[in-house]
Every structure is written in C-alpha cells, then in structure tokens.
C-alpha cells in the first residue's frame, strides 16, 4: 500500500509543477498576429493597385502603337489629315466601311472609330488624340497609290484616369511621336 500512495503523490506534484499558456497569453498572441496580418494586407493592397496601374499604362502604350500601325496602312488619309482629331466614347462601326471597296477616308473613319472603342473599353475615362505634322509637300497622289510614305511625324496621345493612393483619380497619359 505504501507504494501506491507514493505514486499518487508523485503524480500530483508533477501536475502542480506543469506550466502552460493561459487564456490571456493566447489572446495577446492572437492580437499581435492580427496586427501582423493587417500590415501584410496593407502591403498587398498597394501591390495590387500598383499592378493595375502598370497594366493600364501598358494597355495605353499598346493602343497608341496600334493606331500608328493602322495609319501606316493608309498613308493617303494621313497625308490629307483624316486621322487628326480627338477620339473618345463608343460608337458602332457596323455601317462604316464593311466592304472591300472602301475608300481611304472610310477606312480611316473605321480605324479611328475602332480605336476610340478600344480606348473606351480598356481605359477608365480614356481618350485619344492624333496630330500629324508633315515635313514634305503632299504630292497629290490618289487613294489607291498606297506606296507614298508620309513625310512627317504624328503625335499620338492616350489619356485615362488612374486611381492613386488616396483614392482619388489622377489623369495619366502616354504620348508617342512616330512617323507612320
């Protein structure tokens, strides 16, 4: 019997000496961990916003280059100033130049309407502007003489609204100067 009594006392003493986390310590650990997660969430928010702004800038760059490529295919319309102007908003292009027998002006109108639609669909409050300045004299060639390169430079500007850190929008722009 003495043996059993000794074993029971030994077990009680071991149980009394064990220490662990209390509920208050566990709650403090959860609070500290939560503040760490809030910091990570703030960094993630800034990263996502910056990533989106970079995406918008690359899309604006793509749109500016795409209209320059459209203009390269239709040098007569560039020479005669058909592409010059400001473009924004969406419009239907179903009725503009749907056949292969379109003239250079109709092709330019379709190109600019299509470009305006792409800007409107891609960028927030987006708009585009084309302004061409020629260095040589227009030779009076016809629309079907497409091998006459444009002797000058065209400035293509794409603008849009981009949200910044304080939640307000700021106007951004990409400008490309190129010879189509």
N, C-alpha and C. Protein backbone atom coordinates (compact mmCIF):
# COMPACT_ATOMS: atom_id res chain seq x y z
N UNK A 1 0.79 -1.19 0.00
CA UNK A 1 0.00 0.00 0.00
C UNK A 1 0.84 1.26 0.00
N UNK A 2 1.94 1.20 0.66
CA UNK A 2 2.79 2.38 0.70
C UNK A 2 3.24 2.78 -0.71
N UNK A 3 3.47 1.85 -1.50
CA UNK A 3 3.93 2.12 -2.85
C UNK A 3 2.89 2.90 -3.65
N UNK A 4 1.65 2.49 -3.56
CA UNK A 4 0.59 3.15 -4.32
C UNK A 4 0.40 4.59 -3.87
N UNK A 5 0.49 4.82 -2.57
CA UNK A 5 0.36 6.16 -2.03
C UNK A 5 1.49 7.05 -2.52
N UNK A 6 2.66 6.53 -2.60
CA UNK A 6 3.82 7.29 -3.09
C UNK A 6 3.63 7.67 -4.56
N UNK A 7 3.15 6.76 -5.36
CA UNK A 7 2.93 7.03 -6.78
C UNK A 7 1.87 8.10 -6.96
N UNK A 8 0.83 8.10 -6.19
CA UNK A 8 -0.22 9.11 -6.31
C UNK A 8 0.32 10.49 -5.96
N UNK A 9 1.09 10.60 -4.90
CA UNK A 9 1.67 11.89 -4.51
C UNK A 9 2.64 12.40 -5.56
N UNK A 10 3.41 11.48 -6.14
CA UNK A 10 4.36 11.87 -7.18
C UNK A 10 3.63 12.44 -8.39
N UNK A 11 2.53 11.82 -8.76
CA UNK A 11 1.75 12.31 -9.91
C UNK A 11 1.14 13.67 -9.61
N UNK A 12 0.68 13.88 -8.41
CA UNK A 12 0.10 15.17 -8.07
C UNK A 12 1.15 16.27 -8.12
N UNK A 13 2.30 16.00 -7.64
CA UNK A 13 3.35 17.01 -7.64
C UNK A 13 3.76 17.36 -9.07
N UNK A 14 3.81 16.39 -9.95
CA UNK A 14 4.17 16.64 -11.34
C UNK A 14 3.10 17.50 -12.01
N UNK A 15 1.87 17.24 -11.74
CA UNK A 15 0.78 18.02 -12.30
C UNK A 15 0.81 19.46 -11.80
N UNK A 16 1.11 19.67 -10.53
CA UNK A 16 1.19 21.02 -9.99
C UNK A 16 2.33 21.81 -10.61
N UNK A 17 3.42 21.19 -10.94
CA UNK A 17 4.60 21.89 -11.45
C UNK A 17 4.52 22.23 -12.94
N UNK A 18 3.59 21.67 -13.70
CA UNK A 18 3.49 21.95 -15.14
C UNK A 18 2.96 23.35 -15.36
N UNK A 19 3.53 24.01 -16.35
CA UNK A 19 3.06 25.36 -16.69
C UNK A 19 2.68 25.35 -18.16
N UNK A 20 1.73 26.19 -18.55
CA UNK A 20 1.28 26.28 -19.94
C UNK A 20 0.78 27.69 -20.21
N UNK A 21 0.21 27.87 -21.38
CA UNK A 21 -0.34 29.17 -21.72
C UNK A 21 -1.67 29.38 -21.03
N UNK A 22 -1.87 30.57 -20.57
CA UNK A 22 -3.18 30.92 -20.02
C UNK A 22 -4.02 31.51 -21.14
N UNK A 23 -5.25 31.69 -20.90
CA UNK A 23 -6.15 32.25 -21.90
C UNK A 23 -5.74 33.68 -22.27
N UNK A 24 -5.28 34.45 -21.33
CA UNK A 24 -4.86 35.84 -21.60
C UNK A 24 -3.63 35.85 -22.50
N UNK A 25 -2.67 34.98 -22.24
CA UNK A 25 -1.48 34.92 -23.10
C UNK A 25 -1.84 34.53 -24.52
N UNK A 26 -2.76 33.58 -24.67
CA UNK A 26 -3.20 33.15 -26.00
C UNK A 26 -3.90 34.30 -26.73
N UNK A 27 -4.72 35.06 -26.04
CA UNK A 27 -5.42 36.19 -26.66
C UNK A 27 -4.44 37.28 -27.08
N UNK A 28 -3.42 37.55 -26.30
CA UNK A 28 -2.40 38.54 -26.65
C UNK A 28 -1.65 38.07 -27.90
N UNK A 29 -1.34 36.78 -27.99
CA UNK A 29 -0.66 36.25 -29.17
C UNK A 29 -1.53 36.42 -30.42
N UNK A 30 -2.81 36.20 -30.30
CA UNK A 30 -3.73 36.36 -31.43
C UNK A 30 -3.80 37.82 -31.86
N UNK A 31 -3.82 38.74 -30.92
CA UNK A 31 -3.87 40.17 -31.24
C UNK A 31 -2.58 40.60 -31.96
N UNK A 32 -1.42 40.17 -31.47
CA UNK A 32 -0.15 40.51 -32.11
C UNK A 32 -0.11 39.93 -33.53
N UNK A 33 -0.54 38.70 -33.69
CA UNK A 33 -0.57 38.06 -35.00
C UNK A 33 -1.53 38.82 -35.94
N UNK A 34 -2.66 39.29 -35.41
CA UNK A 34 -3.63 40.03 -36.23
C UNK A 34 -3.03 41.34 -36.74
N UNK A 35 -2.29 42.05 -35.90
CA UNK A 35 -1.64 43.29 -36.36
C UNK A 35 -0.64 43.00 -37.47
N UNK A 36 0.07 41.90 -37.37
CA UNK A 36 0.99 41.49 -38.44
C UNK A 36 0.25 41.22 -39.73
N UNK A 37 -0.88 40.56 -39.65
CA UNK A 37 -1.68 40.28 -40.86
C UNK A 37 -2.25 41.56 -41.46
N UNK A 38 -2.62 42.52 -40.62
CA UNK A 38 -3.11 43.80 -41.15
C UNK A 38 -2.02 44.52 -41.92
N UNK A 39 -0.79 44.45 -41.45
CA UNK A 39 0.33 45.05 -42.17
C UNK A 39 0.55 44.39 -43.51
N UNK A 40 0.48 43.08 -43.55
CA UNK A 40 0.64 42.34 -44.81
C UNK A 40 -0.50 42.69 -45.76
N UNK A 41 -1.71 42.81 -45.25
CA UNK A 41 -2.85 43.16 -46.10
C UNK A 41 -2.68 44.55 -46.70
N UNK A 42 -2.14 45.49 -45.93
CA UNK A 42 -1.90 46.84 -46.46
C UNK A 42 -0.89 46.83 -47.58
N UNK A 43 0.16 46.05 -47.42
CA UNK A 43 1.18 45.94 -48.47
C UNK A 43 0.58 45.30 -49.72
N UNK A 44 -0.25 44.29 -49.52
CA UNK A 44 -0.90 43.63 -50.67
C UNK A 44 -1.82 44.59 -51.42
N UNK A 45 -2.52 45.44 -50.70
CA UNK A 45 -3.41 46.41 -51.33
C UNK A 45 -2.62 47.37 -52.23
N UNK A 46 -1.52 47.87 -51.73
CA UNK A 46 -0.67 48.77 -52.52
C UNK A 46 -0.10 48.03 -53.73
N UNK A 47 0.29 46.78 -53.56
CA UNK A 47 0.85 46.00 -54.66
C UNK A 47 -0.19 45.75 -55.75
N UNK A 48 -1.42 45.44 -55.37
CA UNK A 48 -2.47 45.20 -56.35
C UNK A 48 -2.79 46.49 -57.11
N UNK A 49 -2.86 47.59 -56.41
CA UNK A 49 -3.14 48.88 -57.05
C UNK A 49 -2.02 49.26 -58.02
N UNK A 50 -0.79 49.07 -57.61
CA UNK A 50 0.34 49.37 -58.49
C UNK A 50 0.37 48.46 -59.70
N UNK A 51 0.03 47.21 -59.51
CA UNK A 51 -0.04 46.27 -60.61
C UNK A 51 -1.11 46.69 -61.62
N UNK A 52 -2.26 47.12 -61.13
CA UNK A 52 -3.33 47.57 -62.02
C UNK A 52 -2.92 48.83 -62.78
N UNK A 53 -2.26 49.75 -62.09
CA UNK A 53 -1.81 50.98 -62.76
C UNK A 53 -0.79 50.66 -63.85
N UNK A 54 0.08 49.71 -63.60
CA UNK A 54 1.04 49.28 -64.61
C UNK A 54 0.34 48.63 -65.80
N UNK A 55 -0.69 47.86 -65.52
CA UNK A 55 -1.48 47.25 -66.59
C UNK A 55 -2.13 48.32 -67.46
N UNK A 56 -2.70 49.33 -66.82
CA UNK A 56 -3.35 50.42 -67.58
C UNK A 56 -2.33 51.15 -68.46
N UNK A 57 -1.15 51.39 -67.93
CA UNK A 57 -0.11 52.07 -68.71
C UNK A 57 0.32 51.22 -69.91
N UNK A 58 0.47 49.93 -69.72
CA UNK A 58 0.86 49.08 -70.85
C UNK A 58 -0.25 48.99 -71.88
N UNK A 59 -1.51 49.00 -71.46
CA UNK A 59 -2.62 48.99 -72.41
C UNK A 59 -2.66 50.29 -73.20
N UNK A 60 -2.41 51.42 -72.55
CA UNK A 60 -2.38 52.70 -73.25
C UNK A 60 -1.25 52.72 -74.28
N UNK A 61 -0.10 52.16 -73.92
CA UNK A 61 1.01 52.07 -74.84
C UNK A 61 0.64 51.22 -76.06
N UNK A 62 0.01 50.09 -75.80
CA UNK A 62 -0.44 49.22 -76.89
C UNK A 62 -1.42 49.93 -77.81
N UNK A 63 -2.36 50.67 -77.23
CA UNK A 63 -3.37 51.38 -78.03
C UNK A 63 -2.73 52.46 -78.90
N UNK A 64 -1.75 53.17 -78.36
CA UNK A 64 -1.07 54.20 -79.14
C UNK A 64 -0.33 53.58 -80.32
N UNK A 65 0.35 52.47 -80.09
CA UNK A 65 1.08 51.81 -81.17
C UNK A 65 0.12 51.21 -82.21
N UNK A 66 -1.03 50.73 -81.75
CA UNK A 66 -1.97 50.11 -82.69
C UNK A 66 -2.53 51.11 -83.70
N UNK A 67 -2.82 52.33 -83.26
CA UNK A 67 -3.34 53.32 -84.21
C UNK A 67 -2.24 53.77 -85.17
N UNK A 68 -1.00 53.78 -84.74
CA UNK A 68 0.10 54.12 -85.65
C UNK A 68 0.20 53.05 -86.74
N UNK A 69 0.03 51.80 -86.37
CA UNK A 69 0.05 50.72 -87.37
C UNK A 69 -1.13 50.84 -88.33
N UNK A 70 -2.29 51.24 -87.82
CA UNK A 70 -3.45 51.47 -88.70
C UNK A 70 -3.14 52.58 -89.70
N UNK A 71 -2.48 53.62 -89.22
CA UNK A 71 -2.16 54.77 -90.08
C UNK A 71 -1.12 54.39 -91.13
N UNK A 72 -0.22 53.47 -90.83
CA UNK A 72 0.78 53.04 -91.81
C UNK A 72 0.16 52.37 -93.02
N UNK A 73 -0.98 51.73 -92.81
CA UNK A 73 -1.66 51.05 -93.91
C UNK A 73 -2.44 52.01 -94.79
N UNK A 74 -2.59 53.26 -94.37
CA UNK A 74 -3.46 54.21 -95.08
C UNK A 74 -2.77 55.58 -95.13
N UNK A 75 -1.64 55.64 -95.82
CA UNK A 75 -0.85 56.88 -95.82
C UNK A 75 -1.58 58.04 -96.48
N UNK A 76 -2.45 57.79 -97.45
CA UNK A 76 -3.19 58.88 -98.10
C UNK A 76 -4.02 59.63 -97.05
N UNK A 77 -4.70 58.90 -96.16
CA UNK A 77 -5.54 59.54 -95.14
C UNK A 77 -4.68 60.32 -94.14
N UNK A 78 -3.46 59.86 -93.91
CA UNK A 78 -2.56 60.61 -93.03
C UNK A 78 -2.14 61.90 -93.72
N UNK A 79 -1.78 61.80 -95.00
CA UNK A 79 -1.38 62.99 -95.76
C UNK A 79 -2.50 64.03 -95.80
N UNK A 80 -3.73 63.60 -95.93
CA UNK A 80 -4.85 64.55 -96.07
C UNK A 80 -5.47 64.93 -94.72
N UNK A 81 -4.92 64.43 -93.60
CA UNK A 81 -5.36 64.87 -92.27
C UNK A 81 -6.63 64.20 -91.76
N UNK A 82 -7.03 63.08 -92.36
CA UNK A 82 -8.26 62.42 -91.93
C UNK A 82 -8.13 61.85 -90.52
N UNK A 83 -6.95 61.39 -90.15
CA UNK A 83 -6.75 60.79 -88.83
C UNK A 83 -6.65 61.83 -87.72
N UNK A 84 -6.32 63.07 -88.03
CA UNK A 84 -6.14 64.09 -86.99
C UNK A 84 -7.44 64.32 -86.23
N UNK A 85 -7.35 64.41 -84.91
CA UNK A 85 -8.53 64.70 -84.11
C UNK A 85 -8.43 64.09 -82.72
N UNK A 86 -9.50 64.30 -81.94
CA UNK A 86 -9.62 63.75 -80.60
C UNK A 86 -10.72 62.70 -80.62
N UNK A 87 -10.45 61.56 -79.98
CA UNK A 87 -11.37 60.45 -80.03
C UNK A 87 -11.67 59.93 -78.64
N UNK A 88 -12.96 59.79 -78.34
CA UNK A 88 -13.39 59.18 -77.08
C UNK A 88 -14.82 58.71 -77.25
N UNK A 89 -15.21 57.79 -76.42
CA UNK A 89 -16.57 57.28 -76.47
C UNK A 89 -16.70 56.09 -77.40
N UNK A 90 -17.82 55.43 -77.27
CA UNK A 90 -18.08 54.22 -78.05
C UNK A 90 -19.08 54.54 -79.15
N UNK A 91 -18.81 54.01 -80.33
CA UNK A 91 -19.76 54.15 -81.43
C UNK A 91 -19.74 52.87 -82.25
N UNK A 92 -20.87 52.57 -82.87
CA UNK A 92 -20.99 51.36 -83.66
C UNK A 92 -20.21 51.52 -84.97
N UNK A 93 -19.49 50.50 -85.35
CA UNK A 93 -18.74 50.56 -86.61
C UNK A 93 -19.34 49.62 -87.65
N UNK A 94 -20.56 49.16 -87.42
CA UNK A 94 -21.20 48.24 -88.35
C UNK A 94 -21.44 48.87 -89.71
N UNK A 95 -21.82 50.14 -89.74
CA UNK A 95 -22.19 50.78 -91.00
C UNK A 95 -21.00 51.46 -91.70
N UNK A 96 -19.84 51.46 -91.09
CA UNK A 96 -18.70 52.16 -91.67
C UNK A 96 -17.80 51.15 -92.35
N UNK A 97 -17.69 51.24 -93.64
CA UNK A 97 -16.70 50.50 -94.40
C UNK A 97 -16.71 49.01 -94.11
N UNK A 98 -17.76 48.34 -94.51
CA UNK A 98 -17.82 46.91 -94.28
C UNK A 98 -17.46 46.10 -95.53
N UNK A 99 -17.31 46.76 -96.66
CA UNK A 99 -16.96 46.04 -97.88
C UNK A 99 -15.49 46.25 -98.22
N UNK A 100 -15.01 45.48 -99.17
CA UNK A 100 -13.62 45.61 -99.60
C UNK A 100 -13.40 46.82 -100.50
N UNK A 101 -14.47 47.45 -100.98
CA UNK A 101 -14.37 48.57 -101.90
C UNK A 101 -14.39 49.92 -101.18
N UNK A 102 -13.98 49.97 -99.95
CA UNK A 102 -13.99 51.21 -99.19
C UNK A 102 -12.88 52.13 -99.66
N UNK A 103 -13.16 53.41 -99.60
CA UNK A 103 -12.13 54.38 -99.92
C UNK A 103 -11.23 54.64 -98.71
N UNK A 104 -10.18 55.40 -98.93
CA UNK A 104 -9.22 55.69 -97.86
C UNK A 104 -9.85 56.45 -96.71
N UNK A 105 -10.75 57.38 -97.00
CA UNK A 105 -11.41 58.14 -95.94
C UNK A 105 -12.29 57.23 -95.09
N UNK A 106 -13.03 56.33 -95.73
CA UNK A 106 -13.90 55.41 -94.99
C UNK A 106 -13.07 54.46 -94.13
N UNK A 107 -11.94 54.00 -94.66
CA UNK A 107 -11.06 53.13 -93.87
C UNK A 107 -10.51 53.88 -92.66
N UNK A 108 -10.12 55.15 -92.85
CA UNK A 108 -9.61 55.95 -91.74
C UNK A 108 -10.69 56.19 -90.70
N UNK A 109 -11.92 56.45 -91.15
CA UNK A 109 -13.02 56.65 -90.20
C UNK A 109 -13.29 55.37 -89.41
N UNK A 110 -13.26 54.23 -90.10
CA UNK A 110 -13.45 52.96 -89.39
C UNK A 110 -12.31 52.74 -88.40
N UNK A 111 -11.08 53.01 -88.82
CA UNK A 111 -9.92 52.83 -87.92
C UNK A 111 -10.05 53.67 -86.67
N UNK A 112 -10.41 54.95 -86.83
CA UNK A 112 -10.49 55.84 -85.66
C UNK A 112 -11.66 55.48 -84.76
N UNK A 113 -12.78 55.04 -85.35
CA UNK A 113 -13.91 54.61 -84.51
C UNK A 113 -13.56 53.33 -83.76
N UNK A 114 -12.88 52.42 -84.43
CA UNK A 114 -12.45 51.19 -83.77
C UNK A 114 -11.45 51.50 -82.65
N UNK A 115 -10.53 52.42 -82.91
CA UNK A 115 -9.54 52.81 -81.91
C UNK A 115 -10.23 53.48 -80.71
N UNK A 116 -11.19 54.35 -80.99
CA UNK A 116 -11.93 55.01 -79.91
C UNK A 116 -12.68 53.98 -79.06
N UNK A 117 -13.27 52.98 -79.71
CA UNK A 117 -13.96 51.92 -78.97
C UNK A 117 -13.00 51.12 -78.10
N UNK A 118 -11.82 50.82 -78.62
CA UNK A 118 -10.82 50.09 -77.83
C UNK A 118 -10.39 50.90 -76.61
N UNK A 119 -10.19 52.19 -76.79
CA UNK A 119 -9.80 53.05 -75.66
C UNK A 119 -10.90 53.08 -74.61
N UNK A 120 -12.15 53.25 -75.06
CA UNK A 120 -13.28 53.32 -74.14
C UNK A 120 -13.46 52.02 -73.38
N UNK A 121 -13.28 50.89 -74.06
CA UNK A 121 -13.47 49.59 -73.41
C UNK A 121 -12.32 49.22 -72.48
N UNK A 122 -11.13 49.76 -72.71
CA UNK A 122 -9.94 49.33 -71.97
C UNK A 122 -9.59 50.27 -70.82
N UNK A 123 -9.69 51.57 -71.03
CA UNK A 123 -9.19 52.54 -70.06
C UNK A 123 -10.33 53.31 -69.39
N UNK A 124 -10.15 53.65 -68.14
CA UNK A 124 -11.14 54.42 -67.39
C UNK A 124 -11.11 55.87 -67.87
N UNK A 125 -12.25 56.37 -68.35
CA UNK A 125 -12.36 57.73 -68.90
C UNK A 125 -11.27 58.00 -69.93
N UNK A 126 -11.04 57.03 -70.79
CA UNK A 126 -9.97 57.14 -71.77
C UNK A 126 -10.34 57.97 -72.98
N UNK A 127 -9.32 58.61 -73.56
CA UNK A 127 -9.49 59.35 -74.81
C UNK A 127 -8.16 59.33 -75.55
N UNK A 128 -8.23 59.59 -76.83
CA UNK A 128 -7.03 59.60 -77.64
C UNK A 128 -7.00 60.82 -78.55
N UNK A 129 -5.81 61.25 -78.87
CA UNK A 129 -5.65 62.41 -79.76
C UNK A 129 -4.53 62.11 -80.75
N UNK A 130 -4.78 62.46 -82.02
CA UNK A 130 -3.79 62.28 -83.07
C UNK A 130 -3.56 63.63 -83.72
N UNK A 131 -2.30 63.99 -83.87
CA UNK A 131 -1.93 65.24 -84.53
C UNK A 131 -0.69 64.97 -85.38
N UNK A 132 -0.82 65.17 -86.69
CA UNK A 132 0.29 64.90 -87.60
C UNK A 132 0.83 66.20 -88.20
N UNK A 133 2.14 66.27 -88.31
CA UNK A 133 2.81 67.42 -88.91
C UNK A 133 3.70 66.90 -90.03
N UNK A 134 3.47 67.40 -91.24
CA UNK A 134 4.26 66.92 -92.37
C UNK A 134 5.47 67.82 -92.61
N UNK A 135 6.54 67.19 -93.07
CA UNK A 135 7.77 67.92 -93.38
C UNK A 135 7.94 68.10 -94.88
N UNK A 136 7.28 67.29 -95.64
CA UNK A 136 7.35 67.40 -97.10
C UNK A 136 6.02 67.86 -97.64
N UNK A 137 5.97 68.09 -98.94
CA UNK A 137 4.73 68.54 -99.57
C UNK A 137 3.92 67.33 -100.03
N UNK A 138 2.60 67.43 -99.85
CA UNK A 138 1.70 66.38 -100.33
C UNK A 138 1.74 66.37 -101.84
N UNK A 139 2.02 65.22 -102.40
CA UNK A 139 2.20 65.10 -103.84
C UNK A 139 0.93 64.96 -104.64
N UNK A 140 -0.21 64.96 -104.00
CA UNK A 140 -1.48 64.86 -104.71
C UNK A 140 -1.77 63.48 -105.26
N UNK A 141 -1.16 62.46 -104.68
CA UNK A 141 -1.40 61.11 -105.17
C UNK A 141 -2.79 60.64 -104.77
N UNK A 142 -3.26 59.63 -105.46
CA UNK A 142 -4.61 59.11 -105.24
C UNK A 142 -4.62 58.12 -104.08
N UNK A 143 -5.82 57.81 -103.64
CA UNK A 143 -6.00 56.90 -102.51
C UNK A 143 -5.41 55.53 -102.79
N UNK A 144 -5.51 55.04 -104.00
CA UNK A 144 -5.03 53.69 -104.29
C UNK A 144 -3.51 53.62 -104.49
N UNK A 145 -2.83 54.75 -104.45
CA UNK A 145 -1.37 54.75 -104.55
C UNK A 145 -0.79 54.71 -103.14
N UNK A 146 -0.88 53.56 -102.52
CA UNK A 146 -0.54 53.40 -101.10
C UNK A 146 0.95 53.35 -100.83
N UNK A 147 1.77 53.41 -101.87
CA UNK A 147 3.20 53.29 -101.64
C UNK A 147 3.87 54.63 -101.37
N UNK A 148 3.12 55.69 -101.15
CA UNK A 148 3.67 57.01 -100.86
C UNK A 148 3.81 57.18 -99.34
N UNK A 149 5.01 57.09 -98.80
CA UNK A 149 5.17 57.22 -97.35
C UNK A 149 4.90 58.64 -96.88
N UNK A 150 4.44 58.74 -95.67
CA UNK A 150 4.16 60.04 -95.06
C UNK A 150 5.47 60.67 -94.62
N UNK A 151 5.72 61.87 -95.09
CA UNK A 151 6.96 62.58 -94.73
C UNK A 151 6.66 63.54 -93.58
N UNK A 152 6.66 63.02 -92.40
CA UNK A 152 6.37 63.83 -91.22
C UNK A 152 6.26 62.96 -89.99
N UNK A 153 5.83 63.58 -88.92
CA UNK A 153 5.66 62.87 -87.65
C UNK A 153 4.25 63.03 -87.14
N UNK A 154 3.75 62.00 -86.50
CA UNK A 154 2.44 62.05 -85.88
C UNK A 154 2.61 61.86 -84.37
N UNK A 155 1.91 62.69 -83.61
CA UNK A 155 1.90 62.59 -82.16
C UNK A 155 0.59 61.93 -81.74
N UNK A 156 0.71 60.81 -81.08
CA UNK A 156 -0.47 60.08 -80.59
C UNK A 156 -0.43 60.14 -79.07
N UNK A 157 -1.50 60.68 -78.47
CA UNK A 157 -1.59 60.79 -77.01
C UNK A 157 -2.82 60.03 -76.54
N UNK A 158 -2.63 59.18 -75.57
CA UNK A 158 -3.73 58.44 -74.94
C UNK A 158 -3.79 58.86 -73.49
N UNK A 159 -4.95 59.32 -73.03
CA UNK A 159 -5.12 59.74 -71.63
C UNK A 159 -6.20 58.90 -70.97
N UNK A 160 -6.07 58.73 -69.65
CA UNK A 160 -7.04 57.98 -68.87
C UNK A 160 -6.92 58.40 -67.41
N UNK A 161 -7.91 58.01 -66.61
CA UNK A 161 -7.89 58.28 -65.17
C UNK A 161 -7.34 57.05 -64.45
N UNK A 162 -6.47 57.31 -63.50
CA UNK A 162 -5.85 56.23 -62.73
C UNK A 162 -6.04 56.55 -61.26
N UNK A 163 -6.47 55.57 -60.49
CA UNK A 163 -6.65 55.82 -59.07
C UNK A 163 -5.29 55.78 -58.38
N UNK A 164 -5.10 56.69 -57.43
CA UNK A 164 -3.81 56.73 -56.72
C UNK A 164 -4.02 56.33 -55.26
N UNK A 165 -3.01 56.53 -54.43
CA UNK A 165 -3.02 56.03 -53.07
C UNK A 165 -4.14 56.59 -52.19
N UNK A 166 -4.52 57.85 -52.40
CA UNK A 166 -5.52 58.44 -51.52
C UNK A 166 -6.95 58.22 -52.01
N UNK A 167 -7.14 57.39 -53.03
CA UNK A 167 -8.48 57.06 -53.50
C UNK A 167 -9.00 57.99 -54.58
N UNK A 168 -8.34 59.09 -54.86
CA UNK A 168 -8.81 59.99 -55.91
C UNK A 168 -8.21 59.57 -57.25
N UNK A 169 -8.78 60.08 -58.32
CA UNK A 169 -8.29 59.76 -59.65
C UNK A 169 -7.35 60.85 -60.14
N UNK A 170 -6.33 60.43 -60.85
CA UNK A 170 -5.42 61.39 -61.45
C UNK A 170 -5.29 61.04 -62.93
N UNK A 171 -5.24 62.07 -63.75
CA UNK A 171 -5.15 61.85 -65.18
C UNK A 171 -3.73 61.47 -65.57
N UNK A 172 -3.61 60.40 -66.33
CA UNK A 172 -2.34 59.91 -66.81
C UNK A 172 -2.36 59.95 -68.34
N UNK A 173 -1.19 59.99 -68.94
CA UNK A 173 -1.15 59.97 -70.40
C UNK A 173 0.12 59.31 -70.91
N UNK A 174 0.01 58.78 -72.12
CA UNK A 174 1.13 58.21 -72.84
C UNK A 174 1.16 58.93 -74.17
N UNK A 175 2.33 59.46 -74.54
CA UNK A 175 2.48 60.16 -75.81
C UNK A 175 3.59 59.48 -76.62
N UNK A 176 3.26 59.18 -77.86
CA UNK A 176 4.23 58.58 -78.77
C UNK A 176 4.32 59.44 -80.01
N UNK A 177 5.53 59.77 -80.39
CA UNK A 177 5.77 60.54 -81.62
C UNK A 177 6.45 59.59 -82.60
N UNK A 178 5.81 59.41 -83.74
CA UNK A 178 6.32 58.42 -84.69
C UNK A 178 5.97 58.84 -86.11
N UNK A 179 6.70 58.33 -87.03
CA UNK A 179 6.39 58.52 -88.43
C UNK A 179 5.65 57.29 -88.94
N UNK A 180 4.37 57.42 -89.25
CA UNK A 180 3.62 56.24 -89.69
C UNK A 180 4.05 55.78 -91.07
